[in-house]
C-alpha atoms as a PDB file:
ATOM      1  CA  UNK A   1     -18.166  12.595 -13.735  1.00  0.00           C
ATOM      2  CA  UNK A   2     -15.151  12.579 -11.416  1.00  0.00           C
ATOM      3  CA  UNK A   3     -12.604  15.391 -11.673  1.00  0.00           C
ATOM      4  CA  UNK A   4      -9.322  14.420 -13.329  1.00  0.00           C
ATOM      5  CA  UNK A   5      -5.981  15.653 -12.062  1.00  0.00           C
ATOM      6  CA  UNK A   6      -2.415  15.273 -13.224  1.00  0.00           C
ATOM      7  CA  UNK A   7       0.891  16.417 -11.701  1.00  0.00           C
ATOM      8  CA  UNK A   8       1.141  20.206 -11.667  1.00  0.00           C
ATOM      9  CA  UNK A   9      -2.614  20.849 -11.962  1.00  0.00           C
ATOM     10  CA  UNK A  10      -4.247  23.580  -9.917  1.00  0.00           C
ATOM     11  CA  UNK A  11      -6.791  21.910  -7.617  1.00  0.00           C
ATOM     12  CA  UNK A  12      -8.899  24.861  -6.472  1.00  0.00           C
ATOM     13  CA  UNK A  13      -9.777  25.976  -2.934  1.00  0.00           C
ATOM     14  CA  UNK A  14      -9.183  23.705   0.059  1.00  0.00           C
ATOM     15  CA  UNK A  15     -10.323  23.961   3.685  1.00  0.00           C
ATOM     16  CA  UNK A  16      -8.305  23.370   6.865  1.00  0.00           C
ATOM     17  CA  UNK A  17      -8.150  19.734   7.969  1.00  0.00           C
ATOM     18  CA  UNK A  18      -6.649  19.826  11.477  1.00  0.00           C
ATOM     19  CA  UNK A  19      -4.876  16.796  12.920  1.00  0.00           C
ATOM     20  CA  UNK A  20      -7.661  16.169  15.450  1.00  0.00           C
ATOM     21  CA  UNK A  21      -9.402  12.898  14.515  1.00  0.00           C
ATOM     22  CA  UNK A  22      -8.941  10.691  17.621  1.00  0.00           C
ATOM     23  CA  UNK A  23      -9.248   7.513  15.497  1.00  0.00           C
ATOM     24  CA  UNK A  24      -6.161   8.554  13.539  1.00  0.00           C
ATOM     25  CA  UNK A  25      -4.060   9.028  16.711  1.00  0.00           C
ATOM     26  CA  UNK A  26      -2.048  11.897  15.203  1.00  0.00           C
ATOM     27  CA  UNK A  27       1.346  12.646  16.672  1.00  0.00           C
ATOM     28  CA  UNK A  28       3.300  15.639  15.334  1.00  0.00           C
ATOM     29  CA  UNK A  29       6.971  14.680  15.597  1.00  0.00           C
ATOM     30  CA  UNK A  30       8.688  17.708  14.067  1.00  0.00           C
ATOM     31  CA  UNK A  31       7.762  21.130  12.735  1.00  0.00           C
ATOM     32  CA  UNK A  32       4.249  22.480  12.390  1.00  0.00           C
ATOM     33  CA  UNK A  33       2.670  20.583   9.494  1.00  0.00           C
ATOM     34  CA  UNK A  34      -0.707  21.943   8.468  1.00  0.00           C
ATOM     35  CA  UNK A  35      -3.156  19.945   6.340  1.00  0.00           C
ATOM     36  CA  UNK A  36      -6.005  21.055   4.123  1.00  0.00           C
ATOM     37  CA  UNK A  37      -8.271  19.245   1.745  1.00  0.00           C
ATOM     38  CA  UNK A  38     -11.559  18.759  -0.002  1.00  0.00           C
ATOM     39  CA  UNK A  39     -13.877  15.793  -0.529  1.00  0.00           C
ATOM     40  CA  UNK A  40     -15.047  15.784  -4.159  1.00  0.00           C
ATOM     41  CA  UNK A  41     -17.256  12.679  -3.844  1.00  0.00           C
ATOM     42  CA  UNK A  42     -18.451  10.356  -1.051  1.00  0.00           C
ATOM     43  CA  UNK A  43     -17.363  11.037   2.515  1.00  0.00           C
ATOM     44  CA  UNK A  44     -19.443  11.010   5.704  1.00  0.00           C
ATOM     45  CA  UNK A  45     -21.874   8.101   5.690  1.00  0.00           C
ATOM     46  CA  UNK A  46     -20.354   6.501   2.571  1.00  0.00           C
ATOM     47  CA  UNK A  47     -17.779   3.680   2.296  1.00  0.00           C
ATOM     48  CA  UNK A  48     -15.740   5.658  -0.244  1.00  0.00           C
ATOM     49  CA  UNK A  49     -14.353   9.147  -0.593  1.00  0.00           C
ATOM     50  CA  UNK A  50     -12.407  10.920  -3.291  1.00  0.00           C
ATOM     51  CA  UNK A  51     -10.644  14.228  -2.998  1.00  0.00           C
ATOM     52  CA  UNK A  52      -7.567  16.376  -2.609  1.00  0.00           C
ATOM     53  CA  UNK A  53      -5.219  16.626   0.389  1.00  0.00           C
ATOM     54  CA  UNK A  54      -2.350  19.039   0.929  1.00  0.00           C
ATOM     55  CA  UNK A  55       0.178  19.304   3.760  1.00  0.00           C
ATOM     56  CA  UNK A  56       2.948  21.767   4.556  1.00  0.00           C
ATOM     57  CA  UNK A  57       6.425  20.557   5.620  1.00  0.00           C
ATOM     58  CA  UNK A  58       6.808  18.655   8.874  1.00  0.00           C
ATOM     59  CA  UNK A  59       6.758  15.160  10.294  1.00  0.00           C
ATOM     60  CA  UNK A  60       3.761  13.420  11.829  1.00  0.00           C
ATOM     61  CA  UNK A  61       2.504   9.918  12.533  1.00  0.00           C
ATOM     62  CA  UNK A  62      -1.032   8.643  12.107  1.00  0.00           C
ATOM     63  CA  UNK A  63      -3.139   5.529  11.705  1.00  0.00           C
ATOM     64  CA  UNK A  64      -4.747   5.427   8.256  1.00  0.00           C
ATOM     65  CA  UNK A  65      -8.525   4.988   8.583  1.00  0.00           C
ATOM     66  CA  UNK A  66      -9.242   3.228   5.290  1.00  0.00           C
ATOM     67  CA  UNK A  67      -7.552   1.688   2.289  1.00  0.00           C
ATOM     68  CA  UNK A  68      -6.264   4.588   0.224  1.00  0.00           C
ATOM     69  CA  UNK A  69      -4.930   4.907  -3.296  1.00  0.00           C
ATOM     70  CA  UNK A  70      -3.156   8.228  -3.861  1.00  0.00           C
ATOM     71  CA  UNK A  71      -1.242  10.029  -6.588  1.00  0.00           C
ATOM     72  CA  UNK A  72       1.086  12.909  -5.738  1.00  0.00           C
ATOM     73  CA  UNK A  73       0.393  16.024  -7.793  1.00  0.00           C
ATOM     74  CA  UNK A  74       3.109  18.272  -6.356  1.00  0.00           C
ATOM     75  CA  UNK A  75       5.688  18.425  -3.580  1.00  0.00           C
ATOM     76  CA  UNK A  76       7.930  15.864  -1.958  1.00  0.00           C
ATOM     77  CA  UNK A  77       7.711  13.543   1.002  1.00  0.00           C
ATOM     78  CA  UNK A  78       8.326  10.138   2.446  1.00  0.00           C
ATOM     79  CA  UNK A  79       6.068   7.609   4.125  1.00  0.00           C
ATOM     80  CA  UNK A  80       7.426   5.016   6.545  1.00  0.00           C
ATOM     81  CA  UNK A  81       5.273   2.111   7.734  1.00  0.00           C
ATOM     82  CA  UNK A  82       6.052   1.977  11.454  1.00  0.00           C
ATOM     83  CA  UNK A  83       5.186  -1.737  11.789  1.00  0.00           C
ATOM     84  CA  UNK A  84       7.562  -2.901   9.036  1.00  0.00           C
ATOM     85  CA  UNK A  85      10.030  -0.070   8.436  1.00  0.00           C
ATOM     86  CA  UNK A  86       9.132   0.000   4.719  1.00  0.00           C
ATOM     87  CA  UNK A  87       9.957   3.438   3.263  1.00  0.00           C
ATOM     88  CA  UNK A  88       8.474   5.043   0.141  1.00  0.00           C
ATOM     89  CA  UNK A  89       9.692   8.373  -1.233  1.00  0.00           C
ATOM     90  CA  UNK A  90       7.012  10.493  -2.903  1.00  0.00           C
ATOM     91  CA  UNK A  91       7.310  12.938  -5.811  1.00  0.00           C
ATOM     92  CA  UNK A  92       4.915  14.273  -8.469  1.00  0.00           C
ATOM     93  CA  UNK A  93       3.351  11.444 -10.479  1.00  0.00           C
ATOM     94  CA  UNK A  94       4.000   8.742  -7.859  1.00  0.00           C
ATOM     95  CA  UNK A  95       1.062   6.514  -6.967  1.00  0.00           C
ATOM     96  CA  UNK A  96       0.857   4.567  -3.717  1.00  0.00           C
ATOM     97  CA  UNK A  97      -1.608   2.334  -1.852  1.00  0.00           C
ATOM     98  CA  UNK A  98      -1.847   2.361   1.952  1.00  0.00           C
ATOM     99  CA  UNK A  99      -3.897  -0.308   3.735  1.00  0.00           C
ATOM    100  CA  UNK A 100      -6.405   0.884   6.330  1.00  0.00           C
ATOM    101  CA  UNK A 101      -5.152   0.467   9.895  1.00  0.00           C
ATOM    102  CA  UNK A 102      -1.523   1.065   8.912  1.00  0.00           C
ATOM    103  CA  UNK A 103       0.456   3.217  11.317  1.00  0.00           C
ATOM    104  CA  UNK A 104       2.646   5.477   9.189  1.00  0.00           C
ATOM    105  CA  UNK A 105       5.051   8.374   9.518  1.00  0.00           C
ATOM    106  CA  UNK A 106       4.680  11.180   6.992  1.00  0.00           C
ATOM    107  CA  UNK A 107       7.792  13.290   6.376  1.00  0.00           C
ATOM    108  CA  UNK A 108       6.782  16.210   4.161  1.00  0.00           C
ATOM    109  CA  UNK A 109       9.845  18.051   2.834  1.00  0.00           C
ATOM    110  CA  UNK A 110       8.080  20.302   0.267  1.00  0.00           C
ATOM    111  CA  UNK A 111       4.375  21.147   0.465  1.00  0.00           C
ATOM    112  CA  UNK A 112       2.714  17.998  -0.866  1.00  0.00           C
ATOM    113  CA  UNK A 113      -0.604  17.778  -2.703  1.00  0.00           C
ATOM    114  CA  UNK A 114      -2.227  14.455  -3.558  1.00  0.00           C
ATOM    115  CA  UNK A 115      -5.441  13.232  -5.091  1.00  0.00           C
ATOM    116  CA  UNK A 116      -6.868  10.211  -3.259  1.00  0.00           C
ATOM    117  CA  UNK A 117      -9.545   7.546  -3.407  1.00  0.00           C
ATOM    118  CA  UNK A 118     -10.255   5.815  -0.081  1.00  0.00           C
ATOM    119  CA  UNK A 119     -12.413   2.872   0.991  1.00  0.00           C
ATOM    120  CA  UNK A 120     -13.602   1.934   4.482  1.00  0.00           C
ATOM    121  CA  UNK A 121     -16.249  -0.795   4.503  1.00  0.00           C
ATOM    122  CA  UNK A 122     -18.052   0.541   7.589  1.00  0.00           C
ATOM    123  CA  UNK A 123     -18.106   4.062   6.116  1.00  0.00           C
ATOM    124  CA  UNK A 124     -16.466   7.344   6.988  1.00  0.00           C
END
């Protein structure tokens, strides 16, 4: 059975997830954002993964590696698709889909925690 989360829930311990995946082409634009997370199901060697991600305030750009459906549990932020200029503000309870390969800018204004489900046909 998959864990269930709702806005405001405590998510348990997370581990550091540095911005160092070369496929994601991370670029920190402002501040010193620091990410952490946990994979609850799937992951390496599987086409899907499900888990929790948290990031402290700051601005960074990255290329999303797979299709991802996310729901914000706490915090505030904004995502801008760099190819189109589309902007989406994020707050607790918001759900968003990002297509794999999208180049996006994350602007985290208050430490943001999300639950996510991601799919990458060739696996993670």
